[in-house]
Amino acid sequence: MSLVLILAIGWVFGGVLTAMLPVGRQYVPGVAWLIAAPVLLVWIGVEHGWVFAGLGMAAFVSMMRNPLRYLWARMWEGRR
């Protein structure tokens, strides 16, 4: 198994562990996971093909749907 896939699996487990934290302590690790995801997805696309990067993107959107929904509302709709 390649290094990028091992890191992606670690990203998933880290995201699950972050979700188990109390709400007030989820912010910092959650932002770190949001920043790390595009890097991992591009790396997966380069090493294994863009189909697998697309599958990874589907998993990313599924796991981070609430933070992405919040960012979307804040950036594009001007809501807080």
N, C-alpha and C. Protein backbone atom coordinates (compact mmCIF):
# COMPACT_ATOMS: atom_id res chain seq x y z
N MET A 1 0.85 -1.17 0.00
CA MET A 1 0.00 0.00 0.00
C MET A 1 0.90 1.23 0.00
N SER A 2 0.51 2.24 -0.74
CA SER A 2 1.34 3.43 -0.88
C SER A 2 1.20 4.34 0.35
N LEU A 3 2.17 5.23 0.49
CA LEU A 3 2.19 6.15 1.62
C LEU A 3 0.96 7.04 1.63
N VAL A 4 0.52 7.50 0.48
CA VAL A 4 -0.62 8.41 0.43
C VAL A 4 -1.90 7.71 0.90
N LEU A 5 -2.06 6.44 0.58
CA LEU A 5 -3.25 5.72 1.05
C LEU A 5 -3.21 5.49 2.55
N ILE A 6 -2.03 5.23 3.09
CA ILE A 6 -1.90 5.09 4.54
C ILE A 6 -2.23 6.41 5.22
N LEU A 7 -1.74 7.53 4.67
CA LEU A 7 -2.06 8.84 5.23
C LEU A 7 -3.55 9.15 5.10
N ALA A 8 -4.17 8.75 4.01
CA ALA A 8 -5.61 8.99 3.82
C ALA A 8 -6.43 8.19 4.84
N ILE A 9 -6.01 6.97 5.10
CA ILE A 9 -6.71 6.16 6.11
C ILE A 9 -6.53 6.81 7.48
N GLY A 10 -5.32 7.30 7.76
CA GLY A 10 -5.08 8.02 9.01
C GLY A 10 -5.93 9.28 9.10
N TRP A 11 -6.14 9.96 7.96
CA TRP A 11 -6.99 11.14 7.94
C TRP A 11 -8.42 10.78 8.33
N VAL A 12 -8.91 9.67 7.82
CA VAL A 12 -10.28 9.25 8.14
C VAL A 12 -10.41 8.95 9.63
N PHE A 13 -9.46 8.18 10.17
CA PHE A 13 -9.52 7.87 11.61
C PHE A 13 -9.35 9.12 12.46
N GLY A 14 -8.49 10.03 12.04
CA GLY A 14 -8.33 11.28 12.76
C GLY A 14 -9.60 12.12 12.74
N GLY A 15 -10.29 12.13 11.62
CA GLY A 15 -11.56 12.84 11.53
C GLY A 15 -12.62 12.24 12.43
N VAL A 16 -12.64 10.93 12.51
CA VAL A 16 -13.61 10.26 13.39
C VAL A 16 -13.29 10.58 14.85
N LEU A 17 -12.02 10.54 15.21
CA LEU A 17 -11.63 10.87 16.58
C LEU A 17 -11.94 12.34 16.91
N THR A 18 -11.74 13.22 15.93
CA THR A 18 -12.08 14.63 16.14
C THR A 18 -13.58 14.79 16.37
N ALA A 19 -14.39 14.04 15.66
CA ALA A 19 -15.84 14.12 15.83
C ALA A 19 -16.28 13.66 17.21
N MET A 20 -15.48 12.83 17.85
CA MET A 20 -15.82 12.34 19.19
C MET A 20 -15.46 13.34 20.29
N LEU A 21 -14.69 14.37 19.95
CA LEU A 21 -14.32 15.37 20.94
C LEU A 21 -15.53 16.23 21.29
N PRO A 22 -15.49 16.88 22.48
CA PRO A 22 -16.55 17.85 22.78
C PRO A 22 -16.54 18.97 21.74
N VAL A 23 -17.68 19.57 21.50
CA VAL A 23 -17.84 20.53 20.42
C VAL A 23 -16.83 21.68 20.51
N GLY A 24 -16.55 22.16 21.69
CA GLY A 24 -15.63 23.27 21.85
C GLY A 24 -14.19 22.93 21.50
N ARG A 25 -13.85 21.66 21.50
CA ARG A 25 -12.48 21.24 21.20
C ARG A 25 -12.33 20.68 19.79
N GLN A 26 -13.35 20.73 18.97
CA GLN A 26 -13.29 20.20 17.62
C GLN A 26 -12.73 21.19 16.61
N TYR A 27 -12.71 22.47 16.94
CA TYR A 27 -12.40 23.49 15.95
C TYR A 27 -10.99 23.37 15.38
N VAL A 28 -9.97 23.37 16.23
CA VAL A 28 -8.58 23.37 15.74
C VAL A 28 -8.25 22.10 14.94
N PRO A 29 -8.52 20.90 15.49
CA PRO A 29 -8.22 19.73 14.65
C PRO A 29 -9.10 19.65 13.41
N GLY A 30 -10.33 20.14 13.49
CA GLY A 30 -11.21 20.12 12.32
C GLY A 30 -10.67 20.99 11.20
N VAL A 31 -10.14 22.15 11.53
CA VAL A 31 -9.55 23.02 10.53
C VAL A 31 -8.31 22.35 9.92
N ALA A 32 -7.53 21.68 10.75
CA ALA A 32 -6.35 20.97 10.24
C ALA A 32 -6.76 19.88 9.25
N TRP A 33 -7.84 19.16 9.55
CA TRP A 33 -8.31 18.10 8.63
C TRP A 33 -8.83 18.72 7.34
N LEU A 34 -9.52 19.88 7.44
CA LEU A 34 -10.02 20.55 6.23
C LEU A 34 -8.88 21.04 5.34
N ILE A 35 -7.79 21.48 5.94
CA ILE A 35 -6.64 21.95 5.15
C ILE A 35 -5.89 20.77 4.53
N ALA A 36 -5.78 19.67 5.28
CA ALA A 36 -5.01 18.52 4.80
C ALA A 36 -5.73 17.75 3.68
N ALA A 37 -7.03 17.81 3.64
CA ALA A 37 -7.80 17.00 2.69
C ALA A 37 -7.47 17.30 1.23
N PRO A 38 -7.46 18.56 0.78
CA PRO A 38 -7.15 18.79 -0.64
C PRO A 38 -5.75 18.32 -1.03
N VAL A 39 -4.80 18.47 -0.11
CA VAL A 39 -3.43 18.00 -0.39
C VAL A 39 -3.44 16.49 -0.61
N LEU A 40 -4.10 15.77 0.27
CA LEU A 40 -4.17 14.31 0.13
C LEU A 40 -4.93 13.91 -1.14
N LEU A 41 -6.00 14.62 -1.47
CA LEU A 41 -6.79 14.26 -2.65
C LEU A 41 -5.99 14.47 -3.94
N VAL A 42 -5.24 15.55 -4.02
CA VAL A 42 -4.41 15.78 -5.21
C VAL A 42 -3.32 14.72 -5.28
N TRP A 43 -2.72 14.41 -4.15
CA TRP A 43 -1.67 13.39 -4.10
C TRP A 43 -2.21 12.03 -4.52
N ILE A 44 -3.41 11.69 -4.05
CA ILE A 44 -4.05 10.43 -4.48
C ILE A 44 -4.28 10.46 -5.99
N GLY A 45 -4.76 11.59 -6.51
CA GLY A 45 -5.01 11.70 -7.94
C GLY A 45 -3.75 11.54 -8.77
N VAL A 46 -2.65 12.08 -8.30
CA VAL A 46 -1.38 11.98 -9.04
C VAL A 46 -0.85 10.54 -9.03
N GLU A 47 -0.92 9.90 -7.87
CA GLU A 47 -0.32 8.56 -7.75
C GLU A 47 -1.23 7.43 -8.22
N HIS A 48 -2.54 7.57 -8.03
CA HIS A 48 -3.43 6.43 -8.30
C HIS A 48 -4.51 6.71 -9.33
N GLY A 49 -4.60 7.92 -9.82
CA GLY A 49 -5.60 8.25 -10.82
C GLY A 49 -6.72 9.09 -10.24
N TRP A 50 -7.34 9.85 -11.12
CA TRP A 50 -8.35 10.81 -10.68
C TRP A 50 -9.68 10.15 -10.32
N VAL A 51 -9.90 8.93 -10.74
CA VAL A 51 -11.11 8.22 -10.31
C VAL A 51 -11.05 7.98 -8.80
N PHE A 52 -9.88 7.56 -8.32
CA PHE A 52 -9.73 7.32 -6.89
C PHE A 52 -9.75 8.63 -6.10
N ALA A 53 -9.23 9.70 -6.70
CA ALA A 53 -9.32 11.01 -6.06
C ALA A 53 -10.78 11.45 -5.97
N GLY A 54 -11.57 11.14 -6.98
CA GLY A 54 -13.01 11.44 -6.94
C GLY A 54 -13.72 10.67 -5.86
N LEU A 55 -13.36 9.41 -5.70
CA LEU A 55 -13.94 8.62 -4.60
C LEU A 55 -13.53 9.19 -3.24
N GLY A 56 -12.28 9.62 -3.15
CA GLY A 56 -11.83 10.26 -1.92
C GLY A 56 -12.56 11.56 -1.66
N MET A 57 -12.84 12.32 -2.73
CA MET A 57 -13.59 13.56 -2.58
C MET A 57 -15.01 13.29 -2.09
N ALA A 58 -15.63 12.22 -2.57
CA ALA A 58 -16.96 11.85 -2.09
C ALA A 58 -16.92 11.51 -0.61
N ALA A 59 -15.88 10.79 -0.17
CA ALA A 59 -15.74 10.47 1.25
C ALA A 59 -15.50 11.74 2.06
N PHE A 60 -14.68 12.65 1.54
CA PHE A 60 -14.40 13.91 2.23
C PHE A 60 -15.67 14.73 2.41
N VAL A 61 -16.44 14.87 1.35
CA VAL A 61 -17.68 15.66 1.43
C VAL A 61 -18.68 14.99 2.38
N SER A 62 -18.71 13.67 2.39
CA SER A 62 -19.61 12.96 3.29
C SER A 62 -19.22 13.18 4.75
N MET A 63 -17.92 13.12 5.04
CA MET A 63 -17.47 13.28 6.43
C MET A 63 -17.55 14.72 6.90
N MET A 64 -17.28 15.66 6.03
CA MET A 64 -17.19 17.07 6.42
C MET A 64 -18.37 17.89 5.91
N ARG A 65 -19.54 17.27 5.78
CA ARG A 65 -20.66 17.98 5.18
C ARG A 65 -21.12 19.18 6.00
N ASN A 66 -21.14 19.10 7.32
CA ASN A 66 -21.58 20.24 8.12
C ASN A 66 -20.59 21.39 8.10
N PRO A 67 -19.28 21.15 8.28
CA PRO A 67 -18.35 22.29 8.15
C PRO A 67 -18.36 22.90 6.74
N LEU A 68 -18.50 22.07 5.72
CA LEU A 68 -18.55 22.61 4.36
C LEU A 68 -19.82 23.40 4.12
N ARG A 69 -20.92 22.95 4.69
CA ARG A 69 -22.18 23.69 4.57
C ARG A 69 -22.07 25.05 5.25
N TYR A 70 -21.42 25.07 6.43
CA TYR A 70 -21.20 26.33 7.15
C TYR A 70 -20.33 27.28 6.34
N LEU A 71 -19.21 26.76 5.80
CA LEU A 71 -18.32 27.61 5.01
C LEU A 71 -19.02 28.13 3.76
N TRP A 72 -19.83 27.30 3.13
CA TRP A 72 -20.57 27.72 1.95
C TRP A 72 -21.53 28.88 2.30
N ALA A 73 -22.27 28.72 3.38
CA ALA A 73 -23.23 29.76 3.78
C ALA A 73 -22.50 31.04 4.16
N ARG A 74 -21.36 30.91 4.79
CA ARG A 74 -20.63 32.10 5.22
C ARG A 74 -19.97 32.81 4.05
N MET A 75 -19.39 32.06 3.12
CA MET A 75 -18.65 32.69 2.02
C MET A 75 -19.56 33.19 0.91
N TRP A 76 -20.53 32.40 0.50
CA TRP A 76 -21.30 32.73 -0.70
C TRP A 76 -22.64 33.39 -0.40
N GLU A 77 -23.21 33.08 0.76
CA GLU A 77 -24.52 33.65 1.07
C GLU A 77 -24.45 34.76 2.10
N GLY A 78 -23.29 34.97 2.69
CA GLY A 78 -23.11 36.06 3.65
C GLY A 78 -23.74 35.81 5.01
N ARG A 79 -24.19 34.61 5.28
CA ARG A 79 -24.77 34.30 6.58
C ARG A 79 -23.68 33.92 7.57
N ARG A 80 -24.01 34.02 8.84
CA ARG A 80 -23.09 33.56 9.90
C ARG A 80 -23.64 32.32 10.54
